[in-house]
Amino acid sequence: MTRLSSALSALFLAAALPVAAHPHVFINDKITVVFSEGTLQGISLQWTFDDMFSAMILGDYDPQRTGKFDAARTKAVKEGAFDNLVSYHYFVALWIGKTPVKKFSIQQFTPSENEKKQLVYTFFIPVKVPVTPNEQTVLLTVYDDTYYVAFDLLHVSDVTVQAAPEVSTQLAIQKTKVKPEWPGQYMPDQLVITFKESS
């Protein structure tokens, strides 16, 4: 088994592992909520991986450690070390109001290497919810339900809102069971985005 397949086993096959698994891959998650033209356009996620996983993936896709990803290298990383996450809903649970978003696309996938030599994935989930005078809520949870991939605790300071003054927004972080069969006592963070037209 190559270093790449070993690394991908940890991240992509997490859902097939026993529920008693403990974290082997660690991710710091930053979120940007993007409004424009009177619409919640979508949510951008930035995942920063732990040192060990970063070294494995960067060693295969950027062996000279240039920290540069052109179109060809970005395509290779996406196809070889990201796209299979569609099988796990990209570790994202998303609701518009009380309605779960059962399928969504991924746009603007970009791999990079930060100043600490850690692998960073940035990608965008389009949502398209018009801003109205009535208050609306979008819920976002980023999690791995086997807890084999662990996401850092989320804080409001980890979330950025890009919006014109005509949009009034509020953010909150809650603990929630995203589904009844959630294993053990682990409770993921849920981002609550409430918004409406400014009065």
N, C-alpha and C. Protein backbone atom coordinates (compact mmCIF):
# COMPACT_ATOMS: atom_id res chain seq x y z
N MET A 1 0.85 -1.19 0.00
CA MET A 1 0.00 0.00 0.00
C MET A 1 0.89 1.25 0.00
N THR A 2 0.61 2.18 -0.93
CA THR A 2 1.42 3.39 -1.02
C THR A 2 1.04 4.36 0.08
N ARG A 3 1.89 5.38 0.25
CA ARG A 3 1.58 6.41 1.23
C ARG A 3 0.24 7.06 0.90
N LEU A 4 -0.02 7.28 -0.42
CA LEU A 4 -1.25 7.93 -0.81
C LEU A 4 -2.45 7.08 -0.43
N SER A 5 -2.43 5.80 -0.77
CA SER A 5 -3.59 4.97 -0.45
C SER A 5 -3.78 4.83 1.04
N SER A 6 -2.69 4.83 1.81
CA SER A 6 -2.81 4.78 3.26
C SER A 6 -3.51 6.03 3.78
N ALA A 7 -3.11 7.18 3.24
CA ALA A 7 -3.71 8.43 3.68
C ALA A 7 -5.18 8.51 3.30
N LEU A 8 -5.48 8.10 2.07
CA LEU A 8 -6.86 8.17 1.62
C LEU A 8 -7.73 7.19 2.39
N SER A 9 -7.16 6.10 2.83
CA SER A 9 -7.93 5.15 3.63
C SER A 9 -8.46 5.83 4.88
N ALA A 10 -7.62 6.65 5.50
CA ALA A 10 -8.03 7.34 6.72
C ALA A 10 -9.16 8.31 6.46
N LEU A 11 -9.07 9.06 5.36
CA LEU A 11 -10.04 10.11 5.12
C LEU A 11 -11.28 9.62 4.40
N PHE A 12 -11.12 8.80 3.37
CA PHE A 12 -12.24 8.47 2.51
C PHE A 12 -13.01 7.24 2.95
N LEU A 13 -12.38 6.34 3.69
CA LEU A 13 -13.07 5.12 4.08
C LEU A 13 -13.58 5.20 5.51
N ALA A 14 -13.61 6.41 6.05
CA ALA A 14 -14.01 6.57 7.45
C ALA A 14 -15.39 5.99 7.72
N ALA A 15 -16.31 6.15 6.78
CA ALA A 15 -17.67 5.71 7.03
C ALA A 15 -17.77 4.20 7.13
N ALA A 16 -16.78 3.47 6.64
CA ALA A 16 -16.83 2.02 6.70
C ALA A 16 -16.22 1.45 7.96
N LEU A 17 -15.64 2.31 8.80
CA LEU A 17 -14.95 1.84 9.99
C LEU A 17 -15.92 1.69 11.15
N PRO A 18 -15.55 0.91 12.16
CA PRO A 18 -16.44 0.73 13.31
C PRO A 18 -16.70 2.05 14.02
N VAL A 19 -17.88 2.16 14.64
CA VAL A 19 -18.24 3.41 15.28
C VAL A 19 -17.36 3.72 16.48
N ALA A 20 -16.62 2.74 16.97
CA ALA A 20 -15.75 2.97 18.12
C ALA A 20 -14.41 3.59 17.72
N ALA A 21 -14.22 3.86 16.42
CA ALA A 21 -12.95 4.42 15.97
C ALA A 21 -12.69 5.76 16.64
N HIS A 22 -11.40 6.09 16.80
CA HIS A 22 -11.04 7.38 17.34
C HIS A 22 -10.34 8.17 16.24
N PRO A 23 -10.21 9.48 16.39
CA PRO A 23 -9.70 10.30 15.29
C PRO A 23 -8.29 9.94 14.85
N HIS A 24 -8.08 9.90 13.56
CA HIS A 24 -6.76 9.70 12.96
C HIS A 24 -6.39 10.85 12.03
N VAL A 25 -7.38 11.59 11.57
CA VAL A 25 -7.16 12.77 10.73
C VAL A 25 -7.84 13.94 11.43
N PHE A 26 -7.14 15.07 11.52
CA PHE A 26 -7.65 16.23 12.25
C PHE A 26 -7.72 17.43 11.30
N ILE A 27 -8.85 18.12 11.35
CA ILE A 27 -9.10 19.23 10.43
C ILE A 27 -9.59 20.45 11.20
N ASN A 28 -8.98 21.59 10.92
CA ASN A 28 -9.47 22.88 11.41
C ASN A 28 -10.34 23.48 10.30
N ASP A 29 -11.55 23.87 10.65
CA ASP A 29 -12.52 24.31 9.66
C ASP A 29 -12.83 25.79 9.84
N LYS A 30 -12.69 26.56 8.76
CA LYS A 30 -13.10 27.95 8.73
C LYS A 30 -14.22 28.09 7.70
N ILE A 31 -15.17 28.98 7.96
CA ILE A 31 -16.36 29.10 7.13
C ILE A 31 -16.57 30.55 6.73
N THR A 32 -16.93 30.76 5.46
CA THR A 32 -17.33 32.08 4.98
C THR A 32 -18.72 31.98 4.38
N VAL A 33 -19.64 32.79 4.88
CA VAL A 33 -21.02 32.83 4.40
C VAL A 33 -21.12 34.00 3.42
N VAL A 34 -21.50 33.71 2.18
CA VAL A 34 -21.40 34.69 1.10
C VAL A 34 -22.79 35.12 0.62
N PHE A 35 -23.09 36.41 0.81
CA PHE A 35 -24.31 37.02 0.27
C PHE A 35 -23.92 37.98 -0.85
N SER A 36 -24.71 38.03 -1.90
CA SER A 36 -24.59 39.07 -2.92
C SER A 36 -25.87 39.10 -3.74
N GLU A 37 -26.17 40.26 -4.28
CA GLU A 37 -27.35 40.45 -5.13
C GLU A 37 -28.63 39.99 -4.43
N GLY A 38 -28.73 40.28 -3.13
CA GLY A 38 -29.93 39.95 -2.39
C GLY A 38 -30.17 38.48 -2.18
N THR A 39 -29.11 37.68 -2.21
CA THR A 39 -29.25 36.23 -2.10
C THR A 39 -28.09 35.66 -1.28
N LEU A 40 -28.41 34.68 -0.44
CA LEU A 40 -27.35 33.87 0.14
C LEU A 40 -26.83 32.97 -0.97
N GLN A 41 -25.66 33.30 -1.50
CA GLN A 41 -25.13 32.57 -2.65
C GLN A 41 -24.58 31.21 -2.26
N GLY A 42 -24.00 31.11 -1.06
CA GLY A 42 -23.44 29.83 -0.65
C GLY A 42 -22.48 29.97 0.51
N ILE A 43 -21.80 28.88 0.78
CA ILE A 43 -20.91 28.79 1.93
C ILE A 43 -19.57 28.25 1.47
N SER A 44 -18.51 28.96 1.83
CA SER A 44 -17.15 28.54 1.51
C SER A 44 -16.52 27.90 2.74
N LEU A 45 -15.89 26.74 2.54
CA LEU A 45 -15.22 26.03 3.62
C LEU A 45 -13.72 26.02 3.38
N GLN A 46 -12.97 26.20 4.44
CA GLN A 46 -11.51 26.08 4.39
C GLN A 46 -11.09 25.04 5.41
N TRP A 47 -10.53 23.94 4.93
CA TRP A 47 -10.07 22.86 5.80
C TRP A 47 -8.55 22.87 5.86
N THR A 48 -8.00 22.98 7.05
CA THR A 48 -6.57 22.87 7.26
C THR A 48 -6.27 21.55 7.96
N PHE A 49 -5.46 20.70 7.33
CA PHE A 49 -5.22 19.35 7.82
C PHE A 49 -4.04 19.30 8.80
N ASP A 50 -4.03 18.26 9.60
CA ASP A 50 -2.94 18.05 10.55
C ASP A 50 -1.64 17.78 9.81
N ASP A 51 -0.53 17.87 10.53
CA ASP A 51 0.80 17.78 9.91
C ASP A 51 1.04 16.43 9.22
N MET A 52 0.61 15.35 9.84
CA MET A 52 0.90 14.03 9.28
C MET A 52 0.14 13.80 7.99
N PHE A 53 -1.16 14.08 8.00
CA PHE A 53 -1.93 13.88 6.78
C PHE A 53 -1.45 14.83 5.68
N SER A 54 -1.12 16.06 6.06
CA SER A 54 -0.60 17.02 5.09
C SER A 54 0.65 16.50 4.42
N ALA A 55 1.57 15.96 5.21
CA ALA A 55 2.84 15.46 4.65
C ALA A 55 2.59 14.31 3.68
N MET A 56 1.63 13.45 3.99
CA MET A 56 1.34 12.32 3.09
C MET A 56 0.81 12.80 1.75
N ILE A 57 -0.20 13.66 1.77
CA ILE A 57 -0.81 14.11 0.52
C ILE A 57 0.13 15.01 -0.27
N LEU A 58 0.78 15.96 0.42
CA LEU A 58 1.70 16.85 -0.28
C LEU A 58 2.90 16.09 -0.83
N GLY A 59 3.32 15.05 -0.13
CA GLY A 59 4.43 14.24 -0.61
C GLY A 59 4.12 13.55 -1.92
N ASP A 60 2.84 13.22 -2.15
CA ASP A 60 2.45 12.57 -3.39
C ASP A 60 2.14 13.56 -4.50
N TYR A 61 1.52 14.68 -4.17
CA TYR A 61 1.07 15.61 -5.20
C TYR A 61 2.00 16.81 -5.38
N ASP A 62 2.84 17.08 -4.42
CA ASP A 62 3.81 18.18 -4.52
C ASP A 62 5.13 17.71 -3.92
N PRO A 63 5.74 16.67 -4.52
CA PRO A 63 6.91 16.04 -3.90
C PRO A 63 8.09 16.99 -3.72
N GLN A 64 8.18 18.02 -4.53
CA GLN A 64 9.26 19.00 -4.37
C GLN A 64 8.90 20.07 -3.34
N ARG A 65 7.69 19.98 -2.83
CA ARG A 65 7.18 20.93 -1.82
C ARG A 65 7.35 22.37 -2.27
N THR A 66 6.86 22.62 -3.49
CA THR A 66 6.89 23.99 -4.02
C THR A 66 5.79 24.86 -3.42
N GLY A 67 4.72 24.21 -2.94
CA GLY A 67 3.59 24.96 -2.43
C GLY A 67 2.74 25.57 -3.51
N LYS A 68 2.99 25.18 -4.78
CA LYS A 68 2.27 25.76 -5.91
C LYS A 68 1.39 24.69 -6.57
N PHE A 69 0.17 25.08 -6.88
CA PHE A 69 -0.78 24.16 -7.50
C PHE A 69 -1.36 24.81 -8.75
N ASP A 70 -0.84 24.40 -9.91
CA ASP A 70 -1.40 24.89 -11.16
C ASP A 70 -2.68 24.11 -11.46
N ALA A 71 -3.28 24.37 -12.63
CA ALA A 71 -4.56 23.74 -12.97
C ALA A 71 -4.44 22.22 -13.02
N ALA A 72 -3.35 21.71 -13.58
CA ALA A 72 -3.18 20.26 -13.71
C ALA A 72 -3.01 19.61 -12.34
N ARG A 73 -2.21 20.23 -11.48
CA ARG A 73 -1.98 19.65 -10.15
C ARG A 73 -3.25 19.75 -9.30
N THR A 74 -3.98 20.87 -9.41
CA THR A 74 -5.24 21.02 -8.69
C THR A 74 -6.22 19.94 -9.11
N LYS A 75 -6.30 19.67 -10.42
CA LYS A 75 -7.19 18.64 -10.94
C LYS A 75 -6.81 17.27 -10.38
N ALA A 76 -5.51 16.99 -10.30
CA ALA A 76 -5.04 15.70 -9.79
C ALA A 76 -5.41 15.53 -8.32
N VAL A 77 -5.22 16.58 -7.53
CA VAL A 77 -5.56 16.50 -6.11
C VAL A 77 -7.07 16.30 -5.94
N LYS A 78 -7.85 17.06 -6.69
CA LYS A 78 -9.30 16.96 -6.58
C LYS A 78 -9.79 15.55 -6.92
N GLU A 79 -9.30 15.01 -8.02
CA GLU A 79 -9.75 13.69 -8.46
C GLU A 79 -9.21 12.58 -7.56
N GLY A 80 -7.99 12.73 -7.06
CA GLY A 80 -7.37 11.66 -6.30
C GLY A 80 -7.52 11.75 -4.80
N ALA A 81 -7.82 12.96 -4.30
CA ALA A 81 -7.80 13.13 -2.84
C ALA A 81 -8.92 14.03 -2.32
N PHE A 82 -10.03 14.08 -3.08
CA PHE A 82 -11.17 14.86 -2.60
C PHE A 82 -12.51 14.35 -3.13
N ASP A 83 -12.60 14.08 -4.43
CA ASP A 83 -13.89 13.79 -5.06
C ASP A 83 -14.62 12.61 -4.44
N ASN A 84 -13.90 11.65 -3.91
CA ASN A 84 -14.56 10.48 -3.33
C ASN A 84 -15.38 10.83 -2.09
N LEU A 85 -15.16 12.02 -1.54
CA LEU A 85 -15.95 12.44 -0.38
C LEU A 85 -17.42 12.65 -0.72
N VAL A 86 -17.76 12.68 -2.00
CA VAL A 86 -19.18 12.75 -2.36
C VAL A 86 -19.93 11.58 -1.75
N SER A 87 -19.26 10.44 -1.58
CA SER A 87 -19.89 9.26 -0.98
C SER A 87 -20.29 9.51 0.46
N TYR A 88 -19.65 10.51 1.11
CA TYR A 88 -19.92 10.83 2.49
C TYR A 88 -20.49 12.24 2.64
N HIS A 89 -21.09 12.74 1.53
CA HIS A 89 -21.73 14.05 1.55
C HIS A 89 -20.74 15.14 1.93
N TYR A 90 -19.47 14.91 1.58
CA TYR A 90 -18.39 15.86 1.88
C TYR A 90 -18.31 16.21 3.36
N PHE A 91 -18.74 15.29 4.23
CA PHE A 91 -18.76 15.51 5.67
C PHE A 91 -19.59 16.73 6.06
N VAL A 92 -20.58 17.07 5.25
CA VAL A 92 -21.39 18.27 5.48
C VAL A 92 -22.86 17.88 5.58
N ALA A 93 -23.54 18.37 6.62
CA ALA A 93 -24.99 18.30 6.72
C ALA A 93 -25.52 19.72 6.66
N LEU A 94 -26.48 19.95 5.76
CA LEU A 94 -26.95 21.30 5.48
C LEU A 94 -28.48 21.31 5.46
N TRP A 95 -29.06 22.29 6.13
CA TRP A 95 -30.51 22.47 6.11
C TRP A 95 -30.84 23.90 5.72
N ILE A 96 -31.90 24.06 4.94
CA ILE A 96 -32.49 25.37 4.70
C ILE A 96 -33.82 25.36 5.45
N GLY A 97 -33.88 26.11 6.54
CA GLY A 97 -35.02 25.99 7.44
C GLY A 97 -35.03 24.59 8.03
N LYS A 98 -36.16 23.91 7.88
CA LYS A 98 -36.29 22.54 8.39
C LYS A 98 -36.11 21.49 7.30
N THR A 99 -35.69 21.94 6.12
CA THR A 99 -35.55 21.03 4.98
C THR A 99 -34.09 20.67 4.76
N PRO A 100 -33.74 19.39 4.86
CA PRO A 100 -32.34 19.01 4.59
C PRO A 100 -32.01 19.13 3.12
N VAL A 101 -30.79 19.57 2.84
CA VAL A 101 -30.29 19.61 1.46
C VAL A 101 -29.62 18.26 1.21
N LYS A 102 -30.29 17.41 0.46
CA LYS A 102 -29.81 16.04 0.31
C LYS A 102 -28.71 15.90 -0.74
N LYS A 103 -28.61 16.87 -1.62
CA LYS A 103 -27.57 16.80 -2.65
C LYS A 103 -27.13 18.21 -3.01
N PHE A 104 -25.83 18.41 -3.09
CA PHE A 104 -25.31 19.70 -3.51
C PHE A 104 -24.03 19.50 -4.31
N SER A 105 -23.65 20.51 -5.04
CA SER A 105 -22.44 20.45 -5.84
C SER A 105 -21.31 21.17 -5.12
N ILE A 106 -20.10 20.92 -5.57
CA ILE A 106 -18.92 21.58 -5.03
C ILE A 106 -18.30 22.42 -6.15
N GLN A 107 -17.97 23.65 -5.83
CA GLN A 107 -17.34 24.55 -6.79
C GLN A 107 -16.06 25.12 -6.20
N GLN A 108 -15.20 25.63 -7.08
CA GLN A 108 -14.02 26.40 -6.69
C GLN A 108 -13.08 25.64 -5.74
N PHE A 109 -12.93 24.34 -5.98
CA PHE A 109 -12.00 23.57 -5.14
C PHE A 109 -10.57 24.04 -5.39
N THR A 110 -9.86 24.37 -4.31
CA THR A 110 -8.49 24.84 -4.42
C THR A 110 -7.63 24.23 -3.32
N PRO A 111 -6.60 23.46 -3.66
CA PRO A 111 -5.64 23.01 -2.65
C PRO A 111 -4.51 24.02 -2.51
N SER A 112 -3.93 24.09 -1.34
CA SER A 112 -2.78 24.98 -1.13
C SER A 112 -1.99 24.47 0.06
N GLU A 113 -0.86 25.13 0.30
CA GLU A 113 -0.03 24.81 1.45
C GLU A 113 0.19 26.10 2.23
N ASN A 114 -0.08 26.08 3.52
CA ASN A 114 0.08 27.31 4.30
C ASN A 114 1.51 27.48 4.80
N GLU A 115 1.73 28.54 5.58
CA GLU A 115 3.09 28.85 6.04
C GLU A 115 3.63 27.81 7.00
N LYS A 116 2.75 26.99 7.56
CA LYS A 116 3.18 25.92 8.46
C LYS A 116 3.36 24.59 7.72
N LYS A 117 3.34 24.64 6.40
CA LYS A 117 3.51 23.45 5.56
C LYS A 117 2.34 22.47 5.72
N GLN A 118 1.17 23.00 6.02
CA GLN A 118 -0.02 22.17 6.16
C GLN A 118 -0.86 22.26 4.89
N LEU A 119 -1.49 21.15 4.56
CA LEU A 119 -2.39 21.09 3.41
C LEU A 119 -3.69 21.81 3.74
N VAL A 120 -4.16 22.64 2.79
CA VAL A 120 -5.41 23.38 2.96
C VAL A 120 -6.30 23.13 1.75
N TYR A 121 -7.54 22.75 2.00
CA TYR A 121 -8.55 22.67 0.95
C TYR A 121 -9.53 23.82 1.14
N THR A 122 -9.85 24.52 0.06
CA THR A 122 -10.90 25.52 0.06
C THR A 122 -11.90 25.15 -1.03
N PHE A 123 -13.18 25.17 -0.68
CA PHE A 123 -14.21 24.87 -1.69
C PHE A 123 -15.50 25.56 -1.32
N PHE A 124 -16.39 25.68 -2.31
CA PHE A 124 -17.61 26.48 -2.17
C PHE A 124 -18.83 25.61 -2.42
N ILE A 125 -19.83 25.73 -1.53
CA ILE A 125 -21.10 25.04 -1.68
C ILE A 125 -22.17 26.07 -2.04
N PRO A 126 -22.67 26.08 -3.29
CA PRO A 126 -23.73 27.03 -3.64
C PRO A 126 -25.05 26.66 -2.96
N VAL A 127 -25.77 27.68 -2.49
CA VAL A 127 -27.03 27.43 -1.78
C VAL A 127 -28.19 28.16 -2.45
N LYS A 128 -28.04 29.45 -2.75
CA LYS A 128 -29.05 30.25 -3.44
C LYS A 128 -30.36 30.36 -2.65
N VAL A 129 -30.31 31.13 -1.58
CA VAL A 129 -31.52 31.41 -0.80
C VAL A 129 -31.76 32.92 -0.84
N PRO A 130 -32.86 33.39 -1.46
CA PRO A 130 -33.11 34.83 -1.52
C PRO A 130 -33.29 35.44 -0.12
N VAL A 131 -32.79 36.63 0.07
CA VAL A 131 -32.98 37.37 1.31
C VAL A 131 -34.33 38.08 1.22
N THR A 132 -35.17 37.89 2.23
CA THR A 132 -36.52 38.46 2.24
C THR A 132 -36.73 39.24 3.54
N PRO A 133 -37.86 39.95 3.65
CA PRO A 133 -38.14 40.64 4.91
C PRO A 133 -38.37 39.68 6.08
N ASN A 134 -38.72 38.44 5.76
CA ASN A 134 -38.95 37.45 6.81
C ASN A 134 -37.65 36.73 7.17
N GLU A 135 -37.48 36.49 8.46
CA GLU A 135 -36.25 35.83 8.94
C GLU A 135 -36.17 34.41 8.41
N GLN A 136 -34.97 34.03 7.95
CA GLN A 136 -34.72 32.69 7.45
C GLN A 136 -33.51 32.11 8.17
N THR A 137 -33.42 30.78 8.18
CA THR A 137 -32.34 30.11 8.89
C THR A 137 -31.74 29.02 8.01
N VAL A 138 -30.42 28.99 7.98
CA VAL A 138 -29.67 27.91 7.34
C VAL A 138 -28.78 27.28 8.41
N LEU A 139 -28.79 25.96 8.47
CA LEU A 139 -28.01 25.22 9.46
C LEU A 139 -26.92 24.44 8.74
N LEU A 140 -25.72 24.47 9.30
CA LEU A 140 -24.58 23.77 8.70
C LEU A 140 -23.83 23.01 9.77
N THR A 141 -23.61 21.72 9.55
CA THR A 141 -22.78 20.91 10.43
C THR A 141 -21.72 20.21 9.60
N VAL A 142 -20.47 20.33 10.01
CA VAL A 142 -19.36 19.65 9.34
C VAL A 142 -18.85 18.58 10.29
N TYR A 143 -18.93 17.31 9.87
CA TYR A 143 -18.66 16.22 10.80
C TYR A 143 -18.37 14.92 10.05
N ASP A 144 -17.74 14.01 10.72
CA ASP A 144 -17.60 12.62 10.27
C ASP A 144 -18.29 11.76 11.31
N ASP A 145 -19.32 11.03 10.90
CA ASP A 145 -20.14 10.35 11.90
C ASP A 145 -19.50 9.10 12.50
N THR A 146 -18.29 8.76 12.08
CA THR A 146 -17.54 7.70 12.76
C THR A 146 -16.52 8.29 13.74
N TYR A 147 -16.31 9.59 13.68
CA TYR A 147 -15.31 10.29 14.48
C TYR A 147 -13.90 9.79 14.17
N TYR A 148 -13.72 9.24 12.96
CA TYR A 148 -12.37 8.87 12.52
C TYR A 148 -11.64 10.10 12.00
N VAL A 149 -12.39 11.00 11.37
CA VAL A 149 -11.88 12.32 10.99
C VAL A 149 -12.49 13.31 11.97
N ALA A 150 -11.66 14.03 12.69
CA ALA A 150 -12.14 14.95 13.73
C ALA A 150 -11.99 16.39 13.25
N PHE A 151 -13.05 17.16 13.40
CA PHE A 151 -13.03 18.59 13.11
C PHE A 151 -12.92 19.35 14.42
N ASP A 152 -12.11 20.40 14.43
CA ASP A 152 -11.96 21.23 15.63
C ASP A 152 -13.31 21.80 16.05
N LEU A 153 -13.44 22.10 17.32
CA LEU A 153 -14.62 22.80 17.79
C LEU A 153 -14.79 24.11 17.02
N LEU A 154 -16.01 24.39 16.64
CA LEU A 154 -16.30 25.59 15.86
C LEU A 154 -16.70 26.74 16.78
N HIS A 155 -16.18 27.93 16.49
CA HIS A 155 -16.53 29.13 17.24
C HIS A 155 -17.03 30.19 16.25
N VAL A 156 -17.81 31.13 16.76
CA VAL A 156 -18.30 32.19 15.89
C VAL A 156 -17.15 32.93 15.23
N SER A 157 -16.03 33.04 15.93
CA SER A 157 -14.85 33.72 15.36
C SER A 157 -14.26 32.98 14.16
N ASP A 158 -14.65 31.72 13.96
CA ASP A 158 -14.19 30.95 12.81
C ASP A 158 -15.04 31.21 11.57
N VAL A 159 -16.07 32.03 11.70
CA VAL A 159 -17.03 32.26 10.63
C VAL A 159 -16.98 33.72 10.19
N THR A 160 -16.88 33.93 8.88
CA THR A 160 -16.89 35.27 8.29
C THR A 160 -18.14 35.42 7.44
N VAL A 161 -18.79 36.57 7.53
CA VAL A 161 -19.96 36.85 6.70
C VAL A 161 -19.60 37.94 5.70
N GLN A 162 -19.83 37.66 4.43
CA GLN A 162 -19.67 38.66 3.38
C GLN A 162 -21.08 39.08 2.94
N ALA A 163 -21.48 40.28 3.30
CA ALA A 163 -22.84 40.73 3.00
C ALA A 163 -22.89 42.24 2.92
N ALA A 164 -23.79 42.75 2.10
CA ALA A 164 -24.02 44.18 2.01
C ALA A 164 -24.81 44.64 3.24
N PRO A 165 -24.81 45.95 3.53
CA PRO A 165 -25.55 46.46 4.70
C PRO A 165 -27.05 46.16 4.65
N GLU A 166 -27.57 45.87 3.45
CA GLU A 166 -29.00 45.59 3.31
C GLU A 166 -29.39 44.23 3.88
N VAL A 167 -28.38 43.43 4.27
CA VAL A 167 -28.65 42.11 4.82
C VAL A 167 -28.29 42.10 6.29
N SER A 168 -29.25 41.72 7.13
CA SER A 168 -29.02 41.58 8.56
C SER A 168 -28.79 40.11 8.88
N THR A 169 -27.67 39.81 9.54
CA THR A 169 -27.34 38.41 9.83
C THR A 169 -27.01 38.23 11.30
N GLN A 170 -27.27 37.03 11.78
CA GLN A 170 -26.87 36.61 13.12
C GLN A 170 -26.30 35.20 13.02
N LEU A 171 -25.28 34.95 13.83
CA LEU A 171 -24.64 33.64 13.85
C LEU A 171 -24.70 33.06 15.26
N ALA A 172 -24.84 31.75 15.33
CA ALA A 172 -24.79 31.07 16.62
C ALA A 172 -24.20 29.68 16.40
N ILE A 173 -23.56 29.17 17.44
CA ILE A 173 -23.02 27.81 17.42
C ILE A 173 -23.80 26.98 18.45
N GLN A 174 -24.27 25.83 18.01
CA GLN A 174 -25.00 24.94 18.90
C GLN A 174 -24.41 23.55 18.83
N LYS A 175 -24.63 22.78 19.87
CA LYS A 175 -24.32 21.36 19.84
C LYS A 175 -25.58 20.61 19.43
N THR A 176 -25.43 19.66 18.54
CA THR A 176 -26.61 18.96 18.06
C THR A 176 -26.28 17.54 17.66
N LYS A 177 -27.24 16.66 17.81
CA LYS A 177 -27.14 15.33 17.21
C LYS A 177 -27.68 15.47 15.79
N VAL A 178 -26.80 15.31 14.81
CA VAL A 178 -27.23 15.51 13.44
C VAL A 178 -28.06 14.35 12.93
N LYS A 179 -27.99 13.19 13.58
CA LYS A 179 -28.88 12.09 13.22
C LYS A 179 -28.97 11.14 14.41
N PRO A 180 -30.04 10.40 14.54
CA PRO A 180 -30.28 9.62 15.75
C PRO A 180 -29.20 8.60 16.08
N GLU A 181 -28.54 8.05 15.05
CA GLU A 181 -27.57 7.00 15.32
C GLU A 181 -26.17 7.52 15.61
N TRP A 182 -26.07 8.81 15.92
CA TRP A 182 -24.75 9.38 16.22
C TRP A 182 -24.07 8.55 17.31
N PRO A 183 -22.84 8.08 17.07
CA PRO A 183 -22.21 7.16 18.02
C PRO A 183 -21.74 7.83 19.30
N GLY A 184 -21.85 7.10 20.39
CA GLY A 184 -21.29 7.56 21.66
C GLY A 184 -21.87 8.88 22.13
N GLN A 185 -21.05 9.69 22.79
CA GLN A 185 -21.50 10.95 23.37
C GLN A 185 -21.01 12.15 22.56
N TYR A 186 -20.34 11.90 21.45
CA TYR A 186 -19.78 13.01 20.68
C TYR A 186 -20.89 13.82 20.03
N MET A 187 -20.86 15.12 20.22
CA MET A 187 -21.88 16.01 19.68
C MET A 187 -21.20 17.03 18.77
N PRO A 188 -21.54 17.08 17.49
CA PRO A 188 -20.88 18.01 16.58
C PRO A 188 -21.38 19.43 16.75
N ASP A 189 -20.61 20.37 16.22
CA ASP A 189 -21.00 21.77 16.23
C ASP A 189 -21.92 22.06 15.06
N GLN A 190 -22.97 22.80 15.31
CA GLN A 190 -23.89 23.24 14.26
C GLN A 190 -23.85 24.75 14.15
N LEU A 191 -23.58 25.25 12.97
CA LEU A 191 -23.61 26.67 12.72
C LEU A 191 -25.04 27.07 12.33
N VAL A 192 -25.58 28.04 13.05
CA VAL A 192 -26.93 28.55 12.76
C VAL A 192 -26.77 29.94 12.14
N ILE A 193 -27.22 30.08 10.90
CA ILE A 193 -27.13 31.35 10.18
C ILE A 193 -28.55 31.89 10.03
N THR A 194 -28.84 33.00 10.67
CA THR A 194 -30.17 33.62 10.59
C THR A 194 -30.03 34.95 9.85
N PHE A 195 -30.92 35.19 8.90
CA PHE A 195 -30.75 36.40 8.08
C PHE A 195 -32.11 36.90 7.55
N LYS A 196 -32.14 38.19 7.24
CA LYS A 196 -33.30 38.83 6.61
C LYS A 196 -32.86 40.18 6.07
N GLU A 197 -33.77 40.84 5.40
CA GLU A 197 -33.48 42.18 4.93
C GLU A 197 -33.37 43.12 6.13
N SER A 198 -32.42 44.05 6.06
CA SER A 198 -32.28 45.03 7.14
C SER A 198 -33.48 45.95 7.14
N SER A 199 -33.96 46.30 8.31
CA SER A 199 -35.13 47.18 8.41
C SER A 199 -34.71 48.64 8.29
